[in-house]
Amino acid sequence: MSRVGKIPVTVPSGVIVSILSELVIVEGPKGKLQEAYTARVKIEVQECKLLVISADISKKSNAAQGLYRNLIQNIVTGVSIGFSKNLIITGVGYRVEVKKDLLLLLAGYSSEFNVVIPEGISVIADTQGKITISGINKQWIGEFSAQIRNIRIPEPYKGKGVRYETEIIRYKVGKSGVVFSLK
């Protein structure tokens, strides 16, 4: 049995959960999300908790139990609290700006990047180079922030580029400063 799958998902007040055949719909103050699940697991509601139970005793059922328990936990957290990721842009002349549903990013290339902000995600950029991406779907936020980071991955010599706020860059030593002369 999955260790993660055994833990019940607590449903906070103000969140409504409805379970259909192979579909969980969660509605809360921030929005509405749904997640399809396989027949390898069963989902039961007990008071203000959701239990994910594996349908049979097999490795695939146990893996599915832990997976769907975490996916359901993420949508419950998303509609009640929400998720956010912070990116930091570092470099001379690097800047970011948000205009309606576009993210304009100058990252050391000859032209700027115009990234369309998907529906359901909000982006806030300040003048210090900090980008805050927030929304209710954890997967969308992760994919969008990875897409922005891949525009200019931080380089290991000076750290210029777009990085996650919690990311640690391991700097490399540059050239050694020994000058060779030919005589």
C-alpha atoms as a PDB file:
ATOM      1  CA  MET A   1       0.000   0.000   0.000  1.00  0.00           C
ATOM      2  CA  SER A   2       1.226   3.476  -0.842  1.00  0.00           C
ATOM      3  CA  ARG A   3       2.496   5.551   2.083  1.00  0.00           C
ATOM      4  CA  VAL A   4       1.364   8.793   0.505  1.00  0.00           C
ATOM      5  CA  GLY A   5      -1.934   7.282  -0.600  1.00  0.00           C
ATOM      6  CA  LYS A   6      -2.881   6.346   2.978  1.00  0.00           C
ATOM      7  CA  ILE A   7      -2.984   9.988   4.087  1.00  0.00           C
ATOM      8  CA  PRO A   8      -6.516  11.420   3.759  1.00  0.00           C
ATOM      9  CA  VAL A   9      -7.063  14.674   1.876  1.00  0.00           C
ATOM     10  CA  THR A  10      -8.653  17.235   4.188  1.00  0.00           C
ATOM     11  CA  VAL A  11     -11.284  19.410   2.558  1.00  0.00           C
ATOM     12  CA  PRO A  12     -11.387  22.941   4.052  1.00  0.00           C
ATOM     13  CA  SER A  13     -14.649  24.762   4.665  1.00  0.00           C
ATOM     14  CA  GLY A  14     -15.988  26.542   1.601  1.00  0.00           C
ATOM     15  CA  VAL A  15     -14.764  23.828  -0.773  1.00  0.00           C
ATOM     16  CA  ILE A  16     -17.324  21.553  -2.442  1.00  0.00           C
ATOM     17  CA  VAL A  17     -16.216  18.149  -3.754  1.00  0.00           C
ATOM     18  CA  SER A  18     -18.354  16.053  -6.084  1.00  0.00           C
ATOM     19  CA  ILE A  19     -17.272  12.627  -7.268  1.00  0.00           C
ATOM     20  CA  LEU A  20     -18.589  11.233 -10.530  1.00  0.00           C
ATOM     21  CA  SER A  21     -17.548   8.020 -12.238  1.00  0.00           C
ATOM     22  CA  GLU A  22     -13.807   8.489 -12.858  1.00  0.00           C
ATOM     23  CA  LEU A  23     -13.966  12.291 -12.327  1.00  0.00           C
ATOM     24  CA  VAL A  24     -13.483  14.476  -9.241  1.00  0.00           C
ATOM     25  CA  ILE A  25     -14.825  18.045  -9.420  1.00  0.00           C
ATOM     26  CA  VAL A  26     -13.651  20.495  -6.751  1.00  0.00           C
ATOM     27  CA  GLU A  27     -15.166  23.960  -6.402  1.00  0.00           C
ATOM     28  CA  GLY A  28     -13.858  26.609  -4.045  1.00  0.00           C
ATOM     29  CA  PRO A  29     -13.510  30.350  -3.492  1.00  0.00           C
ATOM     30  CA  LYS A  30     -10.735  30.699  -6.117  1.00  0.00           C
ATOM     31  CA  GLY A  31     -12.356  28.638  -8.869  1.00  0.00           C
ATOM     32  CA  LYS A  32     -13.288  25.202 -10.115  1.00  0.00           C
ATOM     33  CA  LEU A  33     -10.999  22.314 -11.123  1.00  0.00           C
ATOM     34  CA  GLN A  34     -11.549  18.725 -12.117  1.00  0.00           C
ATOM     35  CA  GLU A  35      -9.342  15.662 -12.248  1.00  0.00           C
ATOM     36  CA  ALA A  36      -9.994  12.373 -14.013  1.00  0.00           C
ATOM     37  CA  TYR A  37      -8.884   9.221 -12.256  1.00  0.00           C
ATOM     38  CA  THR A  38      -8.445   5.611 -13.266  1.00  0.00           C
ATOM     39  CA  ALA A  39     -10.445   2.554 -12.243  1.00  0.00           C
ATOM     40  CA  ARG A  40      -7.408   1.319 -10.290  1.00  0.00           C
ATOM     41  CA  VAL A  41      -8.462   3.560  -7.368  1.00  0.00           C
ATOM     42  CA  LYS A  42     -11.686   4.302  -5.517  1.00  0.00           C
ATOM     43  CA  ILE A  43     -12.418   7.642  -3.887  1.00  0.00           C
ATOM     44  CA  GLU A  44     -14.594   7.861  -0.799  1.00  0.00           C
ATOM     45  CA  VAL A  45     -15.870  10.902   1.105  1.00  0.00           C
ATOM     46  CA  GLN A  46     -15.890  10.771   4.920  1.00  0.00           C
ATOM     47  CA  GLU A  47     -17.067  13.934   6.714  1.00  0.00           C
ATOM     48  CA  CYS A  48     -14.561  16.568   5.560  1.00  0.00           C
ATOM     49  CA  LYS A  49     -11.950  14.147   4.215  1.00  0.00           C
ATOM     50  CA  LEU A  50     -11.345  12.305   0.967  1.00  0.00           C
ATOM     51  CA  LEU A  51      -9.854   8.820   0.987  1.00  0.00           C
ATOM     52  CA  VAL A  52      -8.132   7.342  -2.043  1.00  0.00           C
ATOM     53  CA  ILE A  53      -8.188   3.554  -1.884  1.00  0.00           C
ATOM     54  CA  SER A  54      -6.496   1.181  -4.322  1.00  0.00           C
ATOM     55  CA  ALA A  55      -8.938  -1.159  -6.066  1.00  0.00           C
ATOM     56  CA  ASP A  56      -6.705  -4.224  -5.860  1.00  0.00           C
ATOM     57  CA  ILE A  57      -3.330  -5.267  -4.499  1.00  0.00           C
ATOM     58  CA  SER A  58      -0.798  -4.617  -7.236  1.00  0.00           C
ATOM     59  CA  LYS A  59       2.161  -2.329  -7.836  1.00  0.00           C
ATOM     60  CA  LYS A  60       0.292  -0.279 -10.422  1.00  0.00           C
ATOM     61  CA  SER A  61      -2.705   0.215  -8.133  1.00  0.00           C
ATOM     62  CA  ASN A  62      -0.476   1.316  -5.260  1.00  0.00           C
ATOM     63  CA  ALA A  63       1.353   3.773  -7.530  1.00  0.00           C
ATOM     64  CA  ALA A  64      -1.966   5.107  -8.836  1.00  0.00           C
ATOM     65  CA  GLN A  65      -3.236   5.525  -5.264  1.00  0.00           C
ATOM     66  CA  GLY A  66      -0.328   7.794  -4.307  1.00  0.00           C
ATOM     67  CA  LEU A  67      -0.488   9.681  -7.608  1.00  0.00           C
ATOM     68  CA  TYR A  68      -4.210  10.455  -7.506  1.00  0.00           C
ATOM     69  CA  ARG A  69      -4.101  11.311  -3.816  1.00  0.00           C
ATOM     70  CA  ASN A  70      -1.498  13.997  -4.563  1.00  0.00           C
ATOM     71  CA  LEU A  71      -3.334  15.250  -7.666  1.00  0.00           C
ATOM     72  CA  ILE A  72      -6.555  15.617  -5.654  1.00  0.00           C
ATOM     73  CA  GLN A  73      -4.647  17.325  -2.822  1.00  0.00           C
ATOM     74  CA  ASN A  74      -3.233  19.806  -5.361  1.00  0.00           C
ATOM     75  CA  ILE A  75      -6.626  20.731  -6.793  1.00  0.00           C
ATOM     76  CA  VAL A  76      -8.149  21.112  -3.313  1.00  0.00           C
ATOM     77  CA  THR A  77      -5.264  23.384  -2.288  1.00  0.00           C
ATOM     78  CA  GLY A  78      -5.484  25.273  -5.583  1.00  0.00           C
ATOM     79  CA  VAL A  79      -9.167  26.186  -5.308  1.00  0.00           C
ATOM     80  CA  SER A  80      -8.858  27.130  -1.632  1.00  0.00           C
ATOM     81  CA  ILE A  81      -5.441  28.837  -1.320  1.00  0.00           C
ATOM     82  CA  GLY A  82      -3.844  28.891  -4.766  1.00  0.00           C
ATOM     83  CA  PHE A  83      -0.248  28.419  -5.899  1.00  0.00           C
ATOM     84  CA  SER A  84       2.520  30.809  -6.877  1.00  0.00           C
ATOM     85  CA  LYS A  85       6.096  30.665  -8.163  1.00  0.00           C
ATOM     86  CA  ASN A  86       8.674  33.438  -8.174  1.00  0.00           C
ATOM     87  CA  LEU A  87      11.286  33.970 -10.865  1.00  0.00           C
ATOM     88  CA  ILE A  88      14.178  36.409 -10.723  1.00  0.00           C
ATOM     89  CA  ILE A  89      15.729  37.932 -13.822  1.00  0.00           C
ATOM     90  CA  THR A  90      19.397  38.933 -13.430  1.00  0.00           C
ATOM     91  CA  GLY A  91      21.642  40.706 -15.903  1.00  0.00           C
ATOM     92  CA  VAL A  92      22.590  44.103 -17.273  1.00  0.00           C
ATOM     93  CA  GLY A  93      19.801  45.328 -19.519  1.00  0.00           C
ATOM     94  CA  TYR A  94      17.527  42.379 -18.664  1.00  0.00           C
ATOM     95  CA  ARG A  95      14.002  43.467 -17.848  1.00  0.00           C
ATOM     96  CA  VAL A  96      10.437  42.218 -17.839  1.00  0.00           C
ATOM     97  CA  GLU A  97       7.097  43.928 -18.325  1.00  0.00           C
ATOM     98  CA  VAL A  98       3.479  42.781 -18.304  1.00  0.00           C
ATOM     99  CA  LYS A  99       1.002  44.278 -20.779  1.00  0.00           C
ATOM    100  CA  LYS A 100      -2.540  42.844 -20.606  1.00  0.00           C
ATOM    101  CA  ASP A 101      -2.065  39.190 -21.581  1.00  0.00           C
ATOM    102  CA  LEU A 102       1.543  39.486 -22.804  1.00  0.00           C
ATOM    103  CA  LEU A 103       4.812  39.139 -20.931  1.00  0.00           C
ATOM    104  CA  LEU A 104       7.559  41.183 -22.609  1.00  0.00           C
ATOM    105  CA  LEU A 105      11.016  39.901 -21.735  1.00  0.00           C
ATOM    106  CA  LEU A 106      14.359  41.449 -22.683  1.00  0.00           C
ATOM    107  CA  ALA A 107      16.973  38.836 -21.850  1.00  0.00           C
ATOM    108  CA  GLY A 108      20.163  39.711 -23.693  1.00  0.00           C
ATOM    109  CA  TYR A 109      19.027  38.744 -27.167  1.00  0.00           C
ATOM    110  CA  SER A 110      18.721  41.166 -30.092  1.00  0.00           C
ATOM    111  CA  SER A 111      14.918  41.152 -29.870  1.00  0.00           C
ATOM    112  CA  GLU A 112      12.431  40.886 -27.036  1.00  0.00           C
ATOM    113  CA  PHE A 113      10.333  37.841 -26.304  1.00  0.00           C
ATOM    114  CA  ASN A 114       6.551  38.198 -26.231  1.00  0.00           C
ATOM    115  CA  VAL A 115       5.070  35.350 -24.202  1.00  0.00           C
ATOM    116  CA  VAL A 116       1.285  34.981 -24.134  1.00  0.00           C
ATOM    117  CA  ILE A 117      -0.005  34.543 -20.587  1.00  0.00           C
ATOM    118  CA  PRO A 118      -2.490  31.634 -20.547  1.00  0.00           C
ATOM    119  CA  GLU A 119      -5.976  32.054 -19.144  1.00  0.00           C
ATOM    120  CA  GLY A 120      -6.171  31.136 -15.456  1.00  0.00           C
ATOM    121  CA  ILE A 121      -2.665  32.398 -14.688  1.00  0.00           C
ATOM    122  CA  SER A 122      -1.820  35.868 -13.398  1.00  0.00           C
ATOM    123  CA  VAL A 123       1.651  37.379 -13.715  1.00  0.00           C
ATOM    124  CA  ILE A 124       3.044  40.309 -11.742  1.00  0.00           C
ATOM    125  CA  ALA A 125       6.429  41.795 -12.648  1.00  0.00           C
ATOM    126  CA  ASP A 126       8.194  44.510 -10.677  1.00  0.00           C
ATOM    127  CA  THR A 127      11.038  46.797 -11.679  1.00  0.00           C
ATOM    128  CA  GLN A 128      13.591  44.863  -9.596  1.00  0.00           C
ATOM    129  CA  GLY A 129      13.362  41.856 -11.951  1.00  0.00           C
ATOM    130  CA  LYS A 130      11.038  39.674  -9.874  1.00  0.00           C
ATOM    131  CA  ILE A 131       8.251  37.816 -11.664  1.00  0.00           C
ATOM    132  CA  THR A 132       5.404  36.295  -9.627  1.00  0.00           C
ATOM    133  CA  ILE A 133       3.268  33.686 -11.400  1.00  0.00           C
ATOM    134  CA  SER A 134       0.100  32.631  -9.571  1.00  0.00           C
ATOM    135  CA  GLY A 135      -3.062  30.661 -10.203  1.00  0.00           C
ATOM    136  CA  ILE A 136      -5.094  27.683  -9.068  1.00  0.00           C
ATOM    137  CA  ASN A 137      -3.577  24.909 -11.185  1.00  0.00           C
ATOM    138  CA  LYS A 138      -0.128  23.833  -9.977  1.00  0.00           C
ATOM    139  CA  GLN A 139       0.743  22.090 -13.239  1.00  0.00           C
ATOM    140  CA  TRP A 140      -0.027  25.135 -15.407  1.00  0.00           C
ATOM    141  CA  ILE A 141       2.043  27.393 -13.161  1.00  0.00           C
ATOM    142  CA  GLY A 142       4.989  25.001 -13.251  1.00  0.00           C
ATOM    143  CA  GLU A 143       4.872  24.624 -17.025  1.00  0.00           C
ATOM    144  CA  PHE A 144       4.544  28.365 -17.657  1.00  0.00           C
ATOM    145  CA  SER A 145       7.380  29.263 -15.279  1.00  0.00           C
ATOM    146  CA  ALA A 146       9.604  26.609 -16.896  1.00  0.00           C
ATOM    147  CA  GLN A 147       8.766  28.056 -20.314  1.00  0.00           C
ATOM    148  CA  ILE A 148       9.855  31.533 -19.152  1.00  0.00           C
ATOM    149  CA  ARG A 149      13.014  30.175 -17.503  1.00  0.00           C
ATOM    150  CA  ASN A 150      13.992  28.335 -20.710  1.00  0.00           C
ATOM    151  CA  ILE A 151      14.151  31.643 -22.589  1.00  0.00           C
ATOM    152  CA  ARG A 152      17.431  32.397 -20.817  1.00  0.00           C
ATOM    153  CA  ILE A 153      18.701  29.707 -18.450  1.00  0.00           C
ATOM    154  CA  PRO A 154      21.124  31.169 -15.853  1.00  0.00           C
ATOM    155  CA  GLU A 155      24.728  30.760 -16.896  1.00  0.00           C
ATOM    156  CA  PRO A 156      27.290  29.499 -14.361  1.00  0.00           C
ATOM    157  CA  TYR A 157      29.915  32.279 -14.653  1.00  0.00           C
ATOM    158  CA  LYS A 158      28.039  35.458 -13.709  1.00  0.00           C
ATOM    159  CA  GLY A 159      24.573  34.076 -13.009  1.00  0.00           C
ATOM    160  CA  LYS A 160      22.853  36.074 -15.741  1.00  0.00           C
ATOM    161  CA  GLY A 161      19.478  34.762 -16.846  1.00  0.00           C
ATOM    162  CA  VAL A 162      16.073  33.808 -15.470  1.00  0.00           C
ATOM    163  CA  ARG A 163      16.074  31.607 -12.385  1.00  0.00           C
ATOM    164  CA  TYR A 164      13.644  30.400  -9.745  1.00  0.00           C
ATOM    165  CA  GLU A 165      13.785  32.309  -6.472  1.00  0.00           C
ATOM    166  CA  THR A 166      14.772  29.187  -4.548  1.00  0.00           C
ATOM    167  CA  GLU A 167      17.275  27.984  -7.173  1.00  0.00           C
ATOM    168  CA  ILE A 168      20.933  27.979  -6.201  1.00  0.00           C
ATOM    169  CA  ILE A 169      23.417  28.592  -8.992  1.00  0.00           C
ATOM    170  CA  ARG A 170      26.788  26.902  -8.642  1.00  0.00           C
ATOM    171  CA  TYR A 171      29.250  29.379 -10.062  1.00  0.00           C
ATOM    172  CA  LYS A 172      32.286  28.252 -12.046  1.00  0.00           C
ATOM    173  CA  VAL A 173      35.692  29.861 -11.840  1.00  0.00           C
ATOM    174  CA  GLY A 174      36.473  31.905 -14.934  1.00  0.00           C
ATOM    175  CA  LYS A 175      39.742  32.010 -16.797  1.00  0.00           C
ATOM    176  CA  SER A 176      42.741  31.806 -14.566  1.00  0.00           C
ATOM    177  CA  GLY A 177      44.450  35.094 -15.365  1.00  0.00           C
ATOM    178  CA  VAL A 178      47.734  33.496 -16.375  1.00  0.00           C
ATOM    179  CA  VAL A 179      48.983  35.237 -19.459  1.00  0.00           C
ATOM    180  CA  PHE A 180      50.975  33.203 -21.908  1.00  0.00           C
ATOM    181  CA  SER A 181      53.408  34.952 -24.130  1.00  0.00           C
ATOM    182  CA  LEU A 182      55.068  33.567 -27.188  1.00  0.00           C
ATOM    183  CA  LYS A 183      58.814  34.377 -27.646  1.00  0.00           C
END
